[in-house]
Amino acid sequence: MVDARKIRFGSDELPELFAGATRLAVAKGKSPLDVVVKGSVPAEVLAAALGPSGNLRAPTVRIGTTFLVGFDEALWTRIFDGA
C-alpha cells in the first residue's frame, strides 16, 4: 500500500508501475476504458490514467495483474464480479 498524499506517480512512472499488467480498467468521465494489455500499455490508456493534476488517478487498486484506476461503480462491479 502506498499513501498517494506522500508519493506521487506521474506520467514518467506509469510504464514501470503498469509493467506486467494484463488488464487495465480506467475510469475517466462517462466512458471508462477496460483494456486487455498485450505487451506495452497503449498511450491513450496511460493518458487516461492521469488526473487533472498530472498524477495517477485515485483510487488505484492492483489485484494480481489487473489495475483499476479511478472510480466508476459499474466498472468496479464488473471487475469484481469476474467479467
N, C-alpha and C. Protein backbone atom coordinates (compact mmCIF):
# COMPACT_ATOMS: atom_id res chain seq x y z
N MET A 1 0.84 -1.16 0.00
CA MET A 1 0.00 0.00 0.00
C MET A 1 0.90 1.24 0.00
N VAL A 2 0.48 2.23 -0.78
CA VAL A 2 1.23 3.48 -0.89
C VAL A 2 0.28 4.63 -0.57
N ASP A 3 0.73 5.56 0.22
CA ASP A 3 -0.06 6.75 0.55
C ASP A 3 0.14 7.78 -0.56
N ALA A 4 -0.90 7.99 -1.36
CA ALA A 4 -0.81 8.90 -2.51
C ALA A 4 -0.61 10.35 -2.10
N ARG A 5 -0.84 10.68 -0.83
CA ARG A 5 -0.58 12.05 -0.39
C ARG A 5 0.91 12.30 -0.24
N LYS A 6 1.69 11.22 -0.07
CA LYS A 6 3.13 11.37 0.13
C LYS A 6 3.94 10.97 -1.09
N ILE A 7 3.46 10.01 -1.85
CA ILE A 7 4.18 9.52 -3.03
C ILE A 7 3.28 9.72 -4.24
N ARG A 8 3.77 10.47 -5.21
CA ARG A 8 3.01 10.76 -6.43
C ARG A 8 3.56 9.92 -7.58
N PHE A 9 2.68 9.51 -8.47
CA PHE A 9 3.07 8.80 -9.68
C PHE A 9 2.65 9.64 -10.87
N GLY A 10 3.64 10.17 -11.58
CA GLY A 10 3.38 10.97 -12.76
C GLY A 10 3.51 10.13 -14.02
N SER A 11 3.45 10.78 -15.17
CA SER A 11 3.48 10.06 -16.44
C SER A 11 4.77 9.26 -16.64
N ASP A 12 5.88 9.73 -16.09
CA ASP A 12 7.15 9.02 -16.24
C ASP A 12 7.17 7.70 -15.50
N GLU A 13 6.43 7.60 -14.39
CA GLU A 13 6.45 6.38 -13.58
C GLU A 13 5.42 5.33 -14.02
N LEU A 14 4.44 5.72 -14.81
CA LEU A 14 3.36 4.80 -15.15
C LEU A 14 3.80 3.56 -15.92
N PRO A 15 4.66 3.66 -16.94
CA PRO A 15 5.06 2.43 -17.64
C PRO A 15 5.69 1.39 -16.69
N GLU A 16 6.50 1.84 -15.77
CA GLU A 16 7.12 0.91 -14.82
C GLU A 16 6.08 0.37 -13.84
N LEU A 17 5.18 1.23 -13.38
CA LEU A 17 4.14 0.82 -12.44
C LEU A 17 3.23 -0.24 -13.06
N PHE A 18 2.87 -0.06 -14.33
CA PHE A 18 1.96 -0.98 -15.00
C PHE A 18 2.67 -2.14 -15.70
N ALA A 19 3.99 -2.24 -15.55
CA ALA A 19 4.72 -3.35 -16.18
C ALA A 19 4.17 -4.68 -15.65
N GLY A 20 3.90 -5.58 -16.54
CA GLY A 20 3.37 -6.88 -16.16
C GLY A 20 1.86 -6.93 -16.04
N ALA A 21 1.21 -5.78 -16.25
CA ALA A 21 -0.26 -5.75 -16.18
C ALA A 21 -0.84 -6.47 -17.38
N THR A 22 -1.93 -7.21 -17.15
CA THR A 22 -2.62 -7.89 -18.24
C THR A 22 -3.97 -7.22 -18.54
N ARG A 23 -4.44 -6.42 -17.59
CA ARG A 23 -5.72 -5.71 -17.78
C ARG A 23 -5.67 -4.39 -17.03
N LEU A 24 -6.10 -3.33 -17.70
CA LEU A 24 -6.19 -2.01 -17.09
C LEU A 24 -7.60 -1.49 -17.28
N ALA A 25 -8.24 -1.15 -16.18
CA ALA A 25 -9.57 -0.56 -16.20
C ALA A 25 -9.43 0.86 -15.65
N VAL A 26 -9.70 1.84 -16.50
CA VAL A 26 -9.51 3.24 -16.12
C VAL A 26 -10.84 3.97 -16.20
N ALA A 27 -11.25 4.53 -15.07
CA ALA A 27 -12.48 5.31 -15.01
C ALA A 27 -12.13 6.78 -15.22
N LYS A 28 -12.62 7.31 -16.33
CA LYS A 28 -12.42 8.73 -16.63
C LYS A 28 -13.67 9.21 -17.35
N GLY A 29 -14.40 10.07 -16.70
CA GLY A 29 -15.62 10.59 -17.30
C GLY A 29 -16.69 9.52 -17.42
N LYS A 30 -17.51 9.65 -18.45
CA LYS A 30 -18.65 8.73 -18.61
C LYS A 30 -18.32 7.49 -19.42
N SER A 31 -17.14 7.42 -19.99
CA SER A 31 -16.79 6.25 -20.79
C SER A 31 -15.48 5.64 -20.30
N PRO A 32 -15.56 4.74 -19.32
CA PRO A 32 -14.35 4.11 -18.80
C PRO A 32 -13.69 3.20 -19.83
N LEU A 33 -12.39 3.04 -19.70
CA LEU A 33 -11.63 2.15 -20.58
C LEU A 33 -11.37 0.84 -19.83
N ASP A 34 -11.53 -0.27 -20.50
CA ASP A 34 -11.21 -1.58 -19.94
C ASP A 34 -10.42 -2.30 -21.02
N VAL A 35 -9.10 -2.37 -20.83
CA VAL A 35 -8.20 -2.82 -21.88
C VAL A 35 -7.44 -4.05 -21.44
N VAL A 36 -7.39 -5.05 -22.31
CA VAL A 36 -6.52 -6.20 -22.10
C VAL A 36 -5.18 -5.81 -22.69
N VAL A 37 -4.14 -5.91 -21.88
CA VAL A 37 -2.81 -5.44 -22.29
C VAL A 37 -1.99 -6.60 -22.83
N LYS A 38 -1.47 -6.40 -24.02
CA LYS A 38 -0.56 -7.37 -24.64
C LYS A 38 0.71 -6.62 -24.97
N GLY A 39 1.72 -6.77 -24.16
CA GLY A 39 2.95 -6.01 -24.35
C GLY A 39 2.91 -4.73 -23.56
N SER A 40 3.21 -3.61 -24.24
CA SER A 40 3.23 -2.33 -23.54
C SER A 40 1.82 -1.73 -23.47
N VAL A 41 1.63 -0.87 -22.50
CA VAL A 41 0.34 -0.22 -22.28
C VAL A 41 0.15 0.87 -23.33
N PRO A 42 -1.00 0.90 -24.02
CA PRO A 42 -1.24 1.93 -25.03
C PRO A 42 -1.17 3.35 -24.43
N ALA A 43 -0.69 4.29 -25.23
CA ALA A 43 -0.52 5.67 -24.78
C ALA A 43 -1.84 6.29 -24.34
N GLU A 44 -2.95 5.96 -25.02
CA GLU A 44 -4.24 6.54 -24.64
C GLU A 44 -4.67 6.08 -23.25
N VAL A 45 -4.30 4.87 -22.86
CA VAL A 45 -4.64 4.36 -21.53
C VAL A 45 -3.77 5.06 -20.48
N LEU A 46 -2.50 5.24 -20.79
CA LEU A 46 -1.62 5.96 -19.86
C LEU A 46 -2.12 7.38 -19.64
N ALA A 47 -2.53 8.05 -20.71
CA ALA A 47 -3.03 9.42 -20.59
C ALA A 47 -4.31 9.46 -19.77
N ALA A 48 -5.20 8.48 -19.95
CA ALA A 48 -6.46 8.44 -19.21
C ALA A 48 -6.24 8.17 -17.73
N ALA A 49 -5.14 7.47 -17.40
CA ALA A 49 -4.84 7.13 -16.01
C ALA A 49 -4.37 8.33 -15.20
N LEU A 50 -4.05 9.42 -15.89
CA LEU A 50 -3.59 10.63 -15.22
C LEU A 50 -4.76 11.56 -14.95
N GLY A 51 -4.80 12.10 -13.77
CA GLY A 51 -5.84 13.06 -13.41
C GLY A 51 -5.46 14.46 -13.87
N PRO A 52 -6.29 15.45 -13.54
CA PRO A 52 -6.03 16.83 -13.95
C PRO A 52 -4.73 17.39 -13.38
N SER A 53 -4.27 16.83 -12.27
CA SER A 53 -3.03 17.30 -11.66
C SER A 53 -1.79 16.75 -12.35
N GLY A 54 -1.99 15.79 -13.26
CA GLY A 54 -0.85 15.16 -13.93
C GLY A 54 -0.33 13.95 -13.18
N ASN A 55 -1.01 13.55 -12.12
CA ASN A 55 -0.63 12.38 -11.34
C ASN A 55 -1.65 11.27 -11.53
N LEU A 56 -1.29 10.08 -11.12
CA LEU A 56 -2.15 8.91 -11.23
C LEU A 56 -3.48 9.17 -10.53
N ARG A 57 -4.57 8.82 -11.19
CA ARG A 57 -5.91 8.99 -10.61
C ARG A 57 -6.06 8.13 -9.36
N ALA A 58 -6.89 8.62 -8.47
CA ALA A 58 -7.19 7.88 -7.24
C ALA A 58 -8.66 7.51 -7.26
N PRO A 59 -9.01 6.42 -6.65
CA PRO A 59 -8.14 5.40 -6.10
C PRO A 59 -7.56 4.53 -7.21
N THR A 60 -6.46 3.90 -6.92
CA THR A 60 -5.88 2.91 -7.82
C THR A 60 -5.66 1.64 -7.03
N VAL A 61 -6.13 0.54 -7.59
CA VAL A 61 -6.04 -0.75 -6.92
C VAL A 61 -5.41 -1.75 -7.87
N ARG A 62 -4.51 -2.56 -7.34
CA ARG A 62 -3.91 -3.65 -8.11
C ARG A 62 -4.40 -4.96 -7.52
N ILE A 63 -4.95 -5.80 -8.39
CA ILE A 63 -5.40 -7.13 -8.00
C ILE A 63 -4.71 -8.10 -8.93
N GLY A 64 -3.67 -8.73 -8.45
CA GLY A 64 -2.87 -9.61 -9.32
C GLY A 64 -2.25 -8.79 -10.43
N THR A 65 -2.64 -9.08 -11.68
CA THR A 65 -2.11 -8.34 -12.82
C THR A 65 -3.15 -7.38 -13.42
N THR A 66 -4.22 -7.14 -12.67
CA THR A 66 -5.27 -6.20 -13.08
C THR A 66 -5.16 -4.92 -12.27
N PHE A 67 -5.24 -3.79 -12.95
CA PHE A 67 -5.23 -2.48 -12.28
C PHE A 67 -6.57 -1.80 -12.51
N LEU A 68 -7.12 -1.24 -11.45
CA LEU A 68 -8.32 -0.40 -11.53
C LEU A 68 -7.87 1.01 -11.16
N VAL A 69 -8.10 1.94 -12.05
CA VAL A 69 -7.65 3.31 -11.86
C VAL A 69 -8.86 4.25 -11.91
N GLY A 70 -9.02 5.06 -10.87
CA GLY A 70 -10.18 5.93 -10.79
C GLY A 70 -11.39 5.13 -10.33
N PHE A 71 -12.50 5.80 -10.09
CA PHE A 71 -13.68 5.07 -9.60
C PHE A 71 -14.88 5.24 -10.51
N ASP A 72 -15.43 4.11 -10.90
CA ASP A 72 -16.69 4.04 -11.62
C ASP A 72 -17.38 2.78 -11.09
N GLU A 73 -18.50 2.96 -10.41
CA GLU A 73 -19.15 1.84 -9.71
C GLU A 73 -19.45 0.68 -10.65
N ALA A 74 -19.98 0.94 -11.82
CA ALA A 74 -20.31 -0.14 -12.75
C ALA A 74 -19.06 -0.89 -13.20
N LEU A 75 -17.98 -0.16 -13.47
CA LEU A 75 -16.73 -0.78 -13.89
C LEU A 75 -16.16 -1.65 -12.78
N TRP A 76 -16.13 -1.13 -11.57
CA TRP A 76 -15.57 -1.89 -10.46
C TRP A 76 -16.43 -3.14 -10.18
N THR A 77 -17.74 -3.00 -10.26
CA THR A 77 -18.62 -4.15 -10.05
C THR A 77 -18.34 -5.23 -11.09
N ARG A 78 -18.18 -4.81 -12.35
CA ARG A 78 -17.89 -5.77 -13.42
C ARG A 78 -16.56 -6.49 -13.16
N ILE A 79 -15.55 -5.76 -12.72
CA ILE A 79 -14.23 -6.36 -12.47
C ILE A 79 -14.32 -7.34 -11.29
N PHE A 80 -14.95 -6.92 -10.19
CA PHE A 80 -15.02 -7.76 -9.01
C PHE A 80 -15.96 -8.95 -9.18
N ASP A 81 -16.91 -8.85 -10.11
CA ASP A 81 -17.80 -9.98 -10.39
C ASP A 81 -17.18 -10.96 -11.38
N GLY A 82 -15.97 -10.63 -11.83
CA GLY A 82 -15.24 -11.56 -12.70
C GLY A 82 -15.56 -11.47 -14.17
N ALA A 83 -16.11 -10.37 -14.60
CA ALA A 83 -16.45 -10.25 -16.03
C ALA A 83 -15.23 -9.88 -16.85
